[in-house]
Amino acid sequence: MAEWTHDSGLLTANIGLTAITALLTCVAWYFISAIRSWYHLRQFPGPFYASFSYLWGYFTMSTGRMHLRLAEEQEKYGKIMRIGPNELLVYDPQTLWQINNVRSSYGRGDWYGSIQFDPYGHSVLSEPDTARHDKRKAKLAAGYAGKGAVDLEAKVDSQLAVLMNLLKTKYLGKGKSNIVDFSRLIRFFQVDIVTLAGSGEPWGDLATETDQFDFISIADSFVPFLHSFMMIPTLRDFFASKFFLKLAGPKHTDEKGMGRFLGIVKNAVAKRFDEPDQIKSTQGDMLDEWIKHGMTRRECELELAVQVPAGSETSTTAIRGIMLHILSSPRAYQKLQDEIMTGIKEGRISSPITNEEAKRLPYLQAVINEGLRMVPPAITGFPKKVPAGGDMICGKFVPEGTDIFVNLWSMLRNKEVFGDDTEVFRPERFLECSEDERSELMKSVDLAFGHGRWQCPGKTLAGLELNKIFVEILRTCDLQIVNPQAPWRCRGYSSFLIDDFLVRLIERA
């Protein structure tokens, strides 16, 4: 008995010693890894914890104040700062033109793997291989540009007609419910435009003011989690792994959630591929154009899956942001409305306004560009990887393999480019300058849609919407912010989530 007790004591001691050894090994491994991480980019300033841990980025993103926190930090550390063990953040436009141009040898960072809206394959938005990305984008280009049978302007006009009819019949006039959540209404509008342009049929959210397929509710619940874990490579790799997807990933047969959305996309593509040829050629939408350019059924599914979330959320943010700043600036509001009314009286504005007519309205263009500057469609993300041999960025050598993130929020508030009053919405900055100066301002604002090889393919459609929607709304009604102290609820992650933007609509004579 005494011998057994002695042996069990030795066993317990050995187990305890093994556990302590394992713990000390883990601590030593983490300590060594942290030092190596810090040393890798030691010459770049930034928050201390970000130099050896990804938790700084995770917790900063999860606050919903990412844009404000990064601006505060970059104010302290300058145009280039460290935000992770292998990540740098810049807000210098010259750097973006350098790494995004079509001849650049920079590739996409591993971050892109977490923006697979169909988690079982890559779209042009998430494709990490540059050659495959370029090949896919070439097939998509005609559809996104509105070429062939795709009349993007007509599609925008058709949904503008639905929007204006809804405003007139439900919200304008005596006895009407003239307070509307503009943020939600524009989401319905945008989802219907994207689905109409992409697959030839709008979901019908706008006319019924209903989230028909629960897409908006899915996005609102998913975005904070998605954007936060994207900051931690280990989590990114796990949630995108075949093991996790097989175990808990969405399926197109699911009745709700992301799986239901994938099922809707799959059915839309299947219907098109299974239709007779004579029906295919009359669709006049992007999907039809993609098929003409040789895209497979699976490629079409992947591209439609990314089109709705990426195409709807970015343009929705732009429209909301511009509208808030118009309504918050009485002088700009009046000048824009005067330009619109004068254009109508002089016969320079049709009903609805055409894209070409809108381009010839200088104050409208200034308002759009200044609004994009104040609330860019994206905040940060989309990192590019420094190529072999390293590169010079902002006057410093950056080792190869480093991920370079862009801070669009701070870049579009860069006082060196836009002047000392960058926090003020002042469209006149695009008018009270020389042509060369305006060109430089415009080049920086255009970076909100990417640049070169990585430019957003939906830029043409977004431009059509922005050129039209403010004119059509302001020719019909006046708007007033319902709650000036808190006009909306805005949370900033890699992009914005905006809701509760209540406005009062007043019918114009």
Protein backbone atom coordinates (compact mmCIF):
# COMPACT_ATOMS: atom_id res chain seq x y z
CA MET A 1 0.00 0.00 0.00
CA ALA A 2 2.84 2.35 0.94
CA GLU A 3 4.60 1.47 -2.33
CA TRP A 4 1.45 2.29 -4.39
CA THR A 5 1.05 5.61 -2.56
CA HIS A 6 4.70 6.43 -3.27
CA ASP A 7 4.30 5.58 -6.99
CA SER A 8 1.10 7.64 -7.32
CA GLY A 9 2.86 10.58 -5.70
CA LEU A 10 5.69 10.31 -8.19
CA LEU A 11 3.17 10.13 -11.05
CA THR A 12 1.38 13.26 -9.78
CA ALA A 13 4.70 15.07 -9.44
CA ASN A 14 5.73 14.07 -12.96
CA ILE A 15 2.41 15.27 -14.38
CA GLY A 16 2.76 18.56 -12.54
CA LEU A 17 6.34 18.96 -13.77
CA THR A 18 5.26 18.20 -17.35
CA ALA A 19 2.45 20.76 -17.13
CA ILE A 20 4.82 23.41 -15.76
CA THR A 21 7.36 22.61 -18.48
CA ALA A 22 4.69 22.87 -21.16
CA LEU A 23 3.47 26.19 -19.73
CA LEU A 24 6.97 27.61 -19.56
CA THR A 25 7.61 26.44 -23.13
CA CYS A 26 4.48 28.22 -24.34
CA VAL A 27 5.43 31.38 -22.46
CA ALA A 28 8.97 31.25 -23.88
CA TRP A 29 7.64 30.59 -27.39
CA TYR A 30 5.23 33.54 -27.14
CA PHE A 31 7.95 35.78 -25.71
CA ILE A 32 10.38 34.89 -28.50
CA SER A 33 7.65 35.26 -31.15
CA ALA A 34 6.67 38.65 -29.73
CA ILE A 35 10.27 39.87 -29.86
CA ARG A 36 10.69 38.61 -33.43
CA SER A 37 7.43 40.29 -34.45
CA TRP A 38 8.45 43.57 -32.85
CA TYR A 39 11.92 43.43 -34.41
CA HIS A 40 10.60 42.81 -37.95
CA LEU A 41 9.20 46.35 -38.34
CA ARG A 42 10.88 48.02 -35.35
CA GLN A 43 11.66 51.21 -37.30
CA PHE A 44 7.95 52.04 -37.75
CA PRO A 45 6.08 53.79 -34.91
CA GLY A 46 2.64 52.77 -33.75
CA PRO A 47 0.65 51.57 -30.73
CA PHE A 48 2.94 49.45 -28.55
CA TYR A 49 0.71 46.36 -28.35
CA ALA A 50 0.18 46.36 -32.12
CA SER A 51 3.88 45.70 -32.65
CA PHE A 52 3.67 42.14 -31.34
CA SER A 53 -0.04 41.25 -31.07
CA TYR A 54 -3.05 41.18 -33.39
CA LEU A 55 -5.37 41.77 -30.46
CA TRP A 56 -4.88 45.55 -30.74
CA GLY A 57 -6.39 45.51 -34.23
CA TYR A 58 -9.18 43.15 -33.17
CA PHE A 59 -10.32 45.18 -30.17
CA THR A 60 -9.96 48.48 -32.01
CA MET A 61 -12.12 47.20 -34.86
CA SER A 62 -14.72 45.71 -32.53
CA THR A 63 -15.45 49.10 -30.93
CA GLY A 64 -17.17 50.36 -34.09
CA ARG A 65 -14.95 53.45 -33.95
CA MET A 66 -12.18 52.17 -36.20
CA HIS A 67 -12.13 55.30 -38.38
CA LEU A 68 -11.81 57.66 -35.42
CA ARG A 69 -9.28 55.55 -33.54
CA LEU A 70 -7.00 55.15 -36.56
CA ALA A 71 -7.21 58.88 -37.26
CA GLU A 72 -6.20 59.64 -33.66
CA GLU A 73 -3.27 57.23 -33.79
CA GLN A 74 -2.09 58.37 -37.20
CA GLU A 75 -2.21 61.99 -36.04
CA LYS A 76 0.44 60.96 -33.49
CA TYR A 77 2.56 58.64 -35.61
CA GLY A 78 2.42 60.13 -39.11
CA LYS A 79 1.62 58.95 -42.63
CA ILE A 80 2.88 55.44 -42.04
CA MET A 81 2.41 53.54 -38.79
CA ARG A 82 2.39 50.02 -37.51
CA ILE A 83 -0.96 48.34 -36.73
CA GLY A 84 0.16 44.70 -36.42
CA PRO A 85 3.20 42.43 -36.24
CA ASN A 86 3.44 42.40 -40.06
CA GLU A 87 1.05 45.24 -40.97
CA LEU A 88 1.55 48.91 -41.75
CA LEU A 89 -1.11 51.58 -42.33
CA VAL A 90 -0.62 54.54 -44.68
CA TYR A 91 -2.73 57.51 -45.73
CA ASP A 92 -0.39 58.88 -48.37
CA PRO A 93 -2.03 59.05 -51.86
CA GLN A 94 1.35 58.75 -53.59
CA THR A 95 1.84 55.37 -51.92
CA LEU A 96 -1.55 54.14 -53.12
CA TRP A 97 -0.84 55.16 -56.72
CA GLN A 98 2.51 53.40 -56.40
CA ILE A 99 1.27 50.04 -55.12
CA ASN A 100 -2.04 49.90 -57.03
CA ASN A 101 -0.96 50.84 -60.53
CA VAL A 102 -1.40 48.25 -63.28
CA ARG A 103 2.35 47.57 -63.55
CA SER A 104 2.86 47.20 -59.81
CA SER A 105 4.43 43.98 -58.54
CA TYR A 106 2.46 44.20 -55.28
CA GLY A 107 0.01 41.37 -54.70
CA ARG A 108 -2.95 41.02 -52.38
CA GLY A 109 -2.43 40.30 -48.71
CA ASP A 110 -3.85 37.27 -46.90
CA TRP A 111 -6.63 39.50 -45.50
CA TYR A 112 -8.55 39.07 -48.77
CA GLY A 113 -9.25 35.44 -47.93
CA SER A 114 -11.80 36.56 -45.34
CA ILE A 115 -14.02 38.48 -47.79
CA GLN A 116 -15.28 35.44 -49.67
CA PHE A 117 -19.01 36.04 -49.58
CA ASP A 118 -19.34 32.59 -51.08
CA PRO A 119 -16.85 30.89 -48.74
CA TYR A 120 -16.26 27.99 -51.13
CA GLY A 121 -14.52 29.97 -53.85
CA HIS A 122 -12.96 33.29 -54.77
CA SER A 123 -14.62 36.17 -56.59
CA VAL A 124 -12.70 38.98 -58.27
CA LEU A 125 -12.88 40.83 -54.93
CA SER A 126 -11.11 38.14 -52.91
CA GLU A 127 -8.96 36.31 -55.50
CA PRO A 128 -5.38 36.31 -54.10
CA ASP A 129 -3.65 35.23 -57.31
CA THR A 130 -2.93 38.33 -59.41
CA ALA A 131 -2.98 36.55 -62.78
CA ARG A 132 -6.32 34.85 -62.05
CA HIS A 133 -7.71 38.14 -60.73
CA ASP A 134 -6.75 39.98 -63.93
CA LYS A 135 -8.21 37.26 -66.13
CA ARG A 136 -11.52 37.22 -64.22
CA LYS A 137 -11.76 41.01 -64.14
CA ALA A 138 -11.28 41.16 -67.92
CA LYS A 139 -14.34 38.93 -68.35
CA LEU A 140 -16.38 41.08 -65.95
CA ALA A 141 -15.35 44.45 -67.37
CA ALA A 142 -17.94 44.82 -70.14
CA GLY A 143 -20.88 44.04 -67.85
CA TYR A 144 -19.76 46.38 -65.09
CA ALA A 145 -19.06 49.15 -67.61
CA GLY A 146 -22.56 48.87 -69.08
CA LYS A 147 -21.40 47.72 -72.49
CA GLY A 148 -23.10 45.36 -74.90
CA ALA A 149 -26.79 45.02 -74.15
CA VAL A 150 -26.37 46.30 -70.58
CA ASP A 151 -27.97 49.75 -70.23
CA LEU A 152 -26.98 50.69 -66.69
CA GLU A 153 -28.44 54.19 -66.90
CA ALA A 154 -31.87 52.83 -67.83
CA LYS A 155 -31.73 50.44 -64.89
CA VAL A 156 -30.85 53.26 -62.47
CA ASP A 157 -33.67 55.38 -63.93
CA SER A 158 -36.19 52.55 -63.45
CA GLN A 159 -35.40 52.24 -59.74
CA LEU A 160 -35.32 56.01 -59.30
CA ALA A 161 -38.89 56.01 -60.67
CA VAL A 162 -39.88 53.44 -58.02
CA LEU A 163 -38.22 55.53 -55.31
CA MET A 164 -39.85 58.78 -56.34
CA ASN A 165 -43.27 57.15 -56.68
CA LEU A 166 -42.90 55.76 -53.16
CA LEU A 167 -41.97 59.16 -51.74
CA LYS A 168 -44.87 60.90 -53.49
CA THR A 169 -47.55 58.37 -52.64
CA LYS A 170 -46.56 57.50 -49.09
CA TYR A 171 -44.53 60.33 -47.60
CA LEU A 172 -45.44 63.62 -49.32
CA GLY A 173 -48.58 65.73 -49.11
CA LYS A 174 -51.07 66.56 -46.38
CA GLY A 175 -51.98 63.74 -44.07
CA LYS A 176 -49.04 61.61 -45.18
CA SER A 177 -46.44 59.96 -42.96
CA ASN A 178 -43.69 62.34 -43.97
CA ILE A 179 -40.89 61.00 -41.74
CA VAL A 180 -38.74 58.29 -43.27
CA ASP A 181 -35.63 56.37 -42.24
CA PHE A 182 -33.51 57.52 -45.17
CA SER A 183 -30.73 55.05 -44.35
CA ARG A 184 -33.04 52.04 -44.65
CA LEU A 185 -34.88 53.38 -47.70
CA ILE A 186 -31.60 53.83 -49.57
CA ARG A 187 -30.53 50.30 -48.69
CA PHE A 188 -33.71 48.97 -50.29
CA PHE A 189 -33.07 51.19 -53.31
CA GLN A 190 -29.47 50.02 -53.64
CA VAL A 191 -30.19 46.31 -53.24
CA ASP A 192 -32.81 46.52 -56.00
CA ILE A 193 -30.47 48.38 -58.36
CA VAL A 194 -27.64 45.90 -57.84
CA THR A 195 -29.85 42.83 -58.29
CA LEU A 196 -31.53 44.38 -61.35
CA ALA A 197 -28.20 45.27 -62.96
CA GLY A 198 -26.62 41.95 -62.02
CA SER A 199 -29.27 39.38 -62.87
CA GLY A 200 -32.07 41.28 -64.61
CA GLU A 201 -34.66 41.35 -61.83
CA PRO A 202 -34.80 43.49 -58.66
CA TRP A 203 -35.56 41.74 -55.41
CA GLY A 204 -38.43 44.15 -54.79
CA ASP A 205 -37.23 45.51 -51.45
CA LEU A 206 -37.88 49.15 -52.37
CA ALA A 207 -41.48 49.04 -53.57
CA THR A 208 -42.55 47.07 -50.48
CA GLU A 209 -40.00 48.60 -48.07
CA THR A 210 -39.21 45.07 -46.97
CA ASP A 211 -35.98 43.14 -46.52
CA GLN A 212 -37.32 40.42 -48.82
CA PHE A 213 -34.60 37.83 -48.33
CA ASP A 214 -33.27 38.99 -44.92
CA PHE A 215 -30.08 40.17 -46.60
CA ILE A 216 -29.92 43.44 -44.64
CA SER A 217 -30.48 41.74 -41.30
CA ILE A 218 -27.81 39.17 -42.15
CA ALA A 219 -25.32 41.89 -43.08
CA ASP A 220 -25.99 43.96 -39.96
CA SER A 221 -25.41 41.02 -37.64
CA PHE A 222 -22.45 39.60 -39.56
CA VAL A 223 -20.33 42.66 -40.40
CA PRO A 224 -19.05 43.56 -36.88
CA PHE A 225 -17.92 39.98 -36.27
CA LEU A 226 -16.48 39.52 -39.77
CA HIS A 227 -14.48 42.74 -39.82
CA SER A 228 -13.12 42.16 -36.31
CA PHE A 229 -11.83 38.62 -36.78
CA MET A 230 -10.33 39.65 -40.12
CA MET A 231 -7.67 41.45 -38.08
CA ILE A 232 -6.35 38.16 -36.63
CA PRO A 233 -4.68 35.86 -39.22
CA THR A 234 -5.22 32.70 -37.15
CA LEU A 235 -8.97 33.32 -36.98
CA ARG A 236 -9.12 34.28 -40.66
CA ASP A 237 -7.46 31.01 -41.62
CA PHE A 238 -9.69 28.95 -39.32
CA PHE A 239 -13.04 30.36 -40.46
CA ALA A 240 -12.01 30.00 -44.11
CA SER A 241 -10.64 26.47 -43.66
CA LYS A 242 -12.22 23.46 -45.34
CA PHE A 243 -12.60 21.85 -41.91
CA PHE A 244 -14.71 24.70 -40.53
CA LEU A 245 -16.74 25.15 -43.69
CA LYS A 246 -17.54 21.46 -43.86
CA LEU A 247 -18.50 21.45 -40.19
CA ALA A 248 -20.46 24.73 -39.89
CA GLY A 249 -20.27 26.62 -43.15
CA PRO A 250 -23.39 27.92 -44.94
CA LYS A 251 -25.11 25.68 -47.49
CA HIS A 252 -27.23 26.86 -50.38
CA THR A 253 -30.04 24.63 -49.10
CA ASP A 254 -30.27 26.51 -45.76
CA GLU A 255 -33.59 28.24 -45.04
CA LYS A 256 -32.01 31.31 -43.46
CA GLY A 257 -28.75 33.17 -43.01
CA MET A 258 -25.88 33.30 -45.48
CA GLY A 259 -26.81 29.88 -46.86
CA ARG A 260 -30.19 31.18 -47.99
CA PHE A 261 -28.48 34.07 -49.77
CA LEU A 262 -26.13 31.66 -51.56
CA GLY A 263 -29.16 29.60 -52.60
CA ILE A 264 -30.82 32.65 -54.16
CA VAL A 265 -27.66 33.38 -56.15
CA LYS A 266 -27.29 29.78 -57.25
CA ASN A 267 -30.89 29.65 -58.47
CA ALA A 268 -30.55 32.91 -60.41
CA VAL A 269 -27.49 31.61 -62.24
CA ALA A 270 -29.01 28.18 -62.86
CA LYS A 271 -32.09 29.76 -64.40
CA ARG A 272 -29.97 31.75 -66.82
CA PHE A 273 -27.79 28.83 -67.86
CA ASP A 274 -30.81 26.58 -68.34
CA GLU A 275 -32.78 29.08 -70.48
CA PRO A 276 -32.94 28.78 -74.27
CA ASP A 277 -30.35 30.86 -76.13
CA GLN A 278 -32.91 33.26 -77.56
CA ILE A 279 -34.03 34.22 -74.04
CA LYS A 280 -30.48 34.69 -72.80
CA SER A 281 -29.67 37.31 -75.40
CA THR A 282 -32.56 39.58 -74.37
CA GLN A 283 -31.68 39.93 -70.69
CA GLY A 284 -29.47 43.00 -70.98
CA ASP A 285 -27.83 42.52 -67.58
CA MET A 286 -24.36 41.85 -66.26
CA LEU A 287 -24.90 38.13 -65.88
CA ASP A 288 -25.81 37.83 -69.53
CA GLU A 289 -22.72 39.81 -70.53
CA TRP A 290 -20.46 37.69 -68.31
CA ILE A 291 -21.73 34.51 -69.95
CA LYS A 292 -21.04 36.01 -73.39
CA HIS A 293 -17.45 36.61 -72.30
CA GLY A 294 -16.90 32.99 -71.34
CA MET A 295 -17.56 32.88 -67.61
CA THR A 296 -18.58 29.50 -66.25
CA ARG A 297 -21.64 28.80 -64.14
CA ARG A 298 -19.53 28.58 -61.00
CA GLU A 299 -17.69 31.82 -61.77
CA CYS A 300 -21.03 33.58 -62.23
CA GLU A 301 -22.25 32.29 -58.87
CA LEU A 302 -19.14 33.60 -57.14
CA GLU A 303 -19.41 37.04 -58.74
CA LEU A 304 -23.13 37.48 -58.05
CA ALA A 305 -22.53 36.41 -54.43
CA VAL A 306 -20.09 39.26 -53.88
CA GLN A 307 -21.99 41.81 -55.98
CA VAL A 308 -24.93 42.34 -53.63
CA PRO A 309 -23.01 42.95 -50.36
CA ALA A 310 -20.05 44.78 -51.91
CA GLY A 311 -22.06 46.76 -54.45
CA SER A 312 -24.94 47.73 -52.21
CA GLU A 313 -23.17 48.68 -48.99
CA THR A 314 -20.50 50.93 -50.51
CA SER A 315 -22.86 53.02 -52.64
CA THR A 316 -25.42 53.14 -49.84
CA THR A 317 -22.77 54.62 -47.54
CA ALA A 318 -21.84 57.22 -50.16
CA ILE A 319 -25.46 58.34 -50.71
CA ARG A 320 -26.18 58.57 -46.98
CA GLY A 321 -22.97 60.43 -46.25
CA ILE A 322 -23.48 62.99 -49.00
CA MET A 323 -27.11 63.55 -48.03
CA LEU A 324 -26.31 64.08 -44.35
CA HIS A 325 -23.72 66.72 -45.20
CA ILE A 326 -26.05 68.47 -47.66
CA LEU A 327 -28.77 68.67 -45.01
CA SER A 328 -26.30 69.82 -42.36
CA SER A 329 -24.98 72.68 -44.52
CA PRO A 330 -27.70 75.28 -45.30
CA ARG A 331 -25.50 77.21 -47.70
CA ALA A 332 -24.55 74.11 -49.70
CA TYR A 333 -28.17 72.88 -49.65
CA GLN A 334 -29.44 76.17 -51.07
CA LYS A 335 -26.71 76.46 -53.72
CA LEU A 336 -27.34 72.91 -54.93
CA GLN A 337 -31.09 73.40 -55.03
CA ASP A 338 -30.67 76.69 -56.92
CA GLU A 339 -28.44 74.99 -59.48
CA ILE A 340 -31.01 72.21 -59.97
CA MET A 341 -34.00 74.56 -60.27
CA THR A 342 -32.17 76.86 -62.68
CA GLY A 343 -31.13 73.88 -64.80
CA ILE A 344 -34.74 72.69 -64.98
CA LYS A 345 -36.07 76.13 -65.93
CA GLU A 346 -33.44 76.53 -68.65
CA GLY A 347 -34.12 73.08 -70.09
CA ARG A 348 -30.68 71.72 -69.18
CA ILE A 349 -32.07 69.01 -66.88
CA SER A 350 -34.39 66.31 -68.19
CA SER A 351 -36.79 64.19 -66.17
CA PRO A 352 -35.04 62.13 -64.97
CA ILE A 353 -31.71 63.88 -65.29
CA THR A 354 -29.26 62.16 -67.63
CA ASN A 355 -25.74 61.27 -66.61
CA GLU A 356 -24.27 63.70 -69.14
CA GLU A 357 -26.47 66.54 -67.89
CA ALA A 358 -25.37 65.86 -64.33
CA LYS A 359 -21.71 66.01 -65.30
CA ARG A 360 -22.32 69.57 -66.52
CA LEU A 361 -23.60 70.75 -63.12
CA PRO A 362 -20.43 72.00 -61.39
CA TYR A 363 -21.84 72.45 -57.90
CA LEU A 364 -23.47 69.01 -57.93
CA GLN A 365 -20.13 67.46 -58.86
CA ALA A 366 -18.41 69.42 -56.11
CA VAL A 367 -21.01 68.25 -53.57
CA ILE A 368 -20.57 64.60 -54.61
CA ASN A 369 -16.78 64.74 -54.38
CA GLU A 370 -16.81 66.58 -51.07
CA GLY A 371 -19.34 64.10 -49.67
CA LEU A 372 -17.20 61.14 -50.73
CA ARG A 373 -14.28 62.85 -49.04
CA MET A 374 -16.18 63.26 -45.78
CA VAL A 375 -17.65 59.73 -45.67
CA PRO A 376 -15.70 57.36 -47.95
CA PRO A 377 -17.41 54.05 -48.85
CA ALA A 378 -14.63 52.12 -47.10
CA ILE A 379 -12.41 52.99 -44.14
CA THR A 380 -9.50 50.59 -44.22
CA GLY A 381 -8.57 47.14 -45.43
CA PHE A 382 -7.63 45.80 -48.86
CA PRO A 383 -3.91 45.41 -47.99
CA LYS A 384 -1.26 44.78 -50.61
CA LYS A 385 1.84 42.70 -49.93
CA VAL A 386 5.29 44.23 -50.46
CA PRO A 387 7.03 42.32 -53.28
CA ALA A 388 10.33 40.43 -53.15
CA GLY A 389 13.28 42.64 -52.29
CA GLY A 390 11.18 45.12 -50.30
CA ASP A 391 10.28 48.68 -51.27
CA MET A 392 10.59 52.30 -50.18
CA ILE A 393 7.34 53.71 -48.77
CA CYS A 394 7.04 57.21 -47.32
CA GLY A 395 10.82 57.46 -47.34
CA LYS A 396 11.41 54.25 -45.36
CA PHE A 397 12.45 50.77 -46.45
CA VAL A 398 9.72 48.18 -45.93
CA PRO A 399 10.68 44.47 -45.94
CA GLU A 400 9.12 42.09 -48.46
CA GLY A 401 5.96 40.28 -47.35
CA THR A 402 4.70 43.21 -45.24
CA ASP A 403 0.99 43.98 -45.61
CA ILE A 404 0.25 47.63 -46.44
CA PHE A 405 -3.23 48.80 -45.38
CA VAL A 406 -4.73 52.11 -46.46
CA ASN A 407 -6.47 54.57 -44.14
CA LEU A 408 -8.99 56.18 -46.51
CA TRP A 409 -10.62 58.22 -43.76
CA SER A 410 -7.38 60.04 -42.91
CA MET A 411 -6.16 60.18 -46.51
CA LEU A 412 -9.24 62.15 -47.53
CA ARG A 413 -8.67 64.50 -44.59
CA ASN A 414 -5.02 65.07 -45.45
CA LYS A 415 -4.37 68.78 -44.86
CA GLU A 416 -1.44 68.75 -47.27
CA VAL A 417 -3.89 67.95 -50.07
CA PHE A 418 -7.23 69.47 -49.01
CA GLY A 419 -6.20 72.40 -46.81
CA ASP A 420 -6.54 73.18 -43.12
CA ASP A 421 -10.36 72.91 -43.00
CA THR A 422 -10.57 69.21 -43.85
CA GLU A 423 -13.16 68.53 -41.13
CA VAL A 424 -15.56 70.97 -42.77
CA PHE A 425 -17.95 70.04 -45.59
CA ARG A 426 -17.11 72.72 -48.15
CA PRO A 427 -17.81 71.78 -51.79
CA GLU A 428 -16.33 75.12 -52.91
CA ARG A 429 -12.84 73.69 -52.41
CA PHE A 430 -13.32 71.88 -55.74
CA LEU A 431 -14.38 75.12 -57.49
CA GLU A 432 -12.19 77.84 -56.00
CA CYS A 433 -8.98 76.46 -57.44
CA SER A 434 -7.09 76.08 -60.70
CA GLU A 435 -7.65 73.17 -63.07
CA ASP A 436 -4.36 71.59 -61.99
CA GLU A 437 -5.27 71.91 -58.32
CA ARG A 438 -8.73 70.46 -58.95
CA SER A 439 -7.17 67.55 -60.82
CA GLU A 440 -4.99 66.75 -57.79
CA LEU A 441 -8.00 66.88 -55.45
CA MET A 442 -9.99 64.64 -57.76
CA LYS A 443 -7.19 62.09 -58.02
CA SER A 444 -7.21 61.70 -54.25
CA VAL A 445 -11.01 61.40 -54.03
CA ASP A 446 -11.01 58.82 -56.83
CA LEU A 447 -8.88 56.58 -54.60
CA ALA A 448 -12.04 55.95 -52.58
CA PHE A 449 -12.93 53.52 -55.40
CA GLY A 450 -9.46 52.02 -55.62
CA HIS A 451 -6.95 52.55 -58.38
CA GLY A 452 -5.39 50.79 -61.33
CA ARG A 453 -5.52 47.02 -61.24
CA TRP A 454 -7.51 47.05 -58.01
CA GLN A 455 -10.10 49.68 -58.90
CA CYS A 456 -13.67 48.85 -57.88
CA PRO A 457 -15.46 47.34 -60.91
CA GLY A 458 -18.75 48.91 -59.79
CA LYS A 459 -17.46 52.49 -60.05
CA THR A 460 -19.46 53.19 -63.25
CA LEU A 461 -22.76 52.14 -61.67
CA ALA A 462 -22.00 54.08 -58.47
CA GLY A 463 -21.24 57.21 -60.49
CA LEU A 464 -24.56 56.97 -62.33
CA GLU A 465 -26.49 56.74 -59.09
CA LEU A 466 -24.68 59.62 -57.40
CA ASN A 467 -25.16 61.85 -60.44
CA LYS A 468 -28.91 61.28 -60.43
CA ILE A 469 -30.38 60.60 -57.02
CA PHE A 470 -29.80 63.97 -55.32
CA VAL A 471 -31.21 65.87 -58.28
CA GLU A 472 -34.35 63.73 -58.41
CA ILE A 473 -34.99 63.96 -54.68
CA LEU A 474 -34.32 67.70 -54.35
CA ARG A 475 -36.43 68.61 -57.38
CA THR A 476 -39.38 66.87 -55.69
CA CYS A 477 -39.11 67.73 -52.02
CA ASP A 478 -37.24 69.51 -49.26
CA LEU A 479 -35.70 67.49 -46.46
CA GLN A 480 -35.11 68.18 -42.79
CA ILE A 481 -33.11 66.19 -40.25
CA VAL A 482 -35.48 64.98 -37.53
CA ASN A 483 -32.92 64.73 -34.71
CA PRO A 484 -30.11 67.29 -35.17
CA GLN A 485 -28.35 66.17 -31.97
CA ALA A 486 -27.98 62.61 -33.26
CA PRO A 487 -28.89 62.57 -36.97
CA TRP A 488 -27.88 58.94 -37.45
CA ARG A 489 -26.23 55.94 -35.77
CA CYS A 490 -22.87 55.35 -37.41
CA ARG A 491 -20.42 52.55 -36.63
CA GLY A 492 -17.08 52.29 -38.38
CA TYR A 493 -15.42 48.93 -39.03
CA SER A 494 -13.56 48.25 -42.29
CA SER A 495 -16.62 49.96 -43.78
CA PHE A 496 -19.56 51.78 -42.22
CA LEU A 497 -22.83 50.55 -40.77
CA ILE A 498 -25.31 53.45 -40.71
CA ASP A 499 -28.93 53.43 -39.62
CA ASP A 500 -31.60 55.53 -37.85
CA PHE A 501 -31.12 58.43 -40.28
CA LEU A 502 -34.58 59.97 -39.90
CA VAL A 503 -35.59 62.81 -42.20
CA ARG A 504 -38.78 64.79 -42.71
CA LEU A 505 -39.93 65.19 -46.31
CA ILE A 506 -41.71 68.39 -47.36
CA GLU A 507 -43.41 68.59 -50.73
CA ARG A 508 -42.15 71.35 -53.01
CA ALA A 509 -44.61 73.59 -54.80
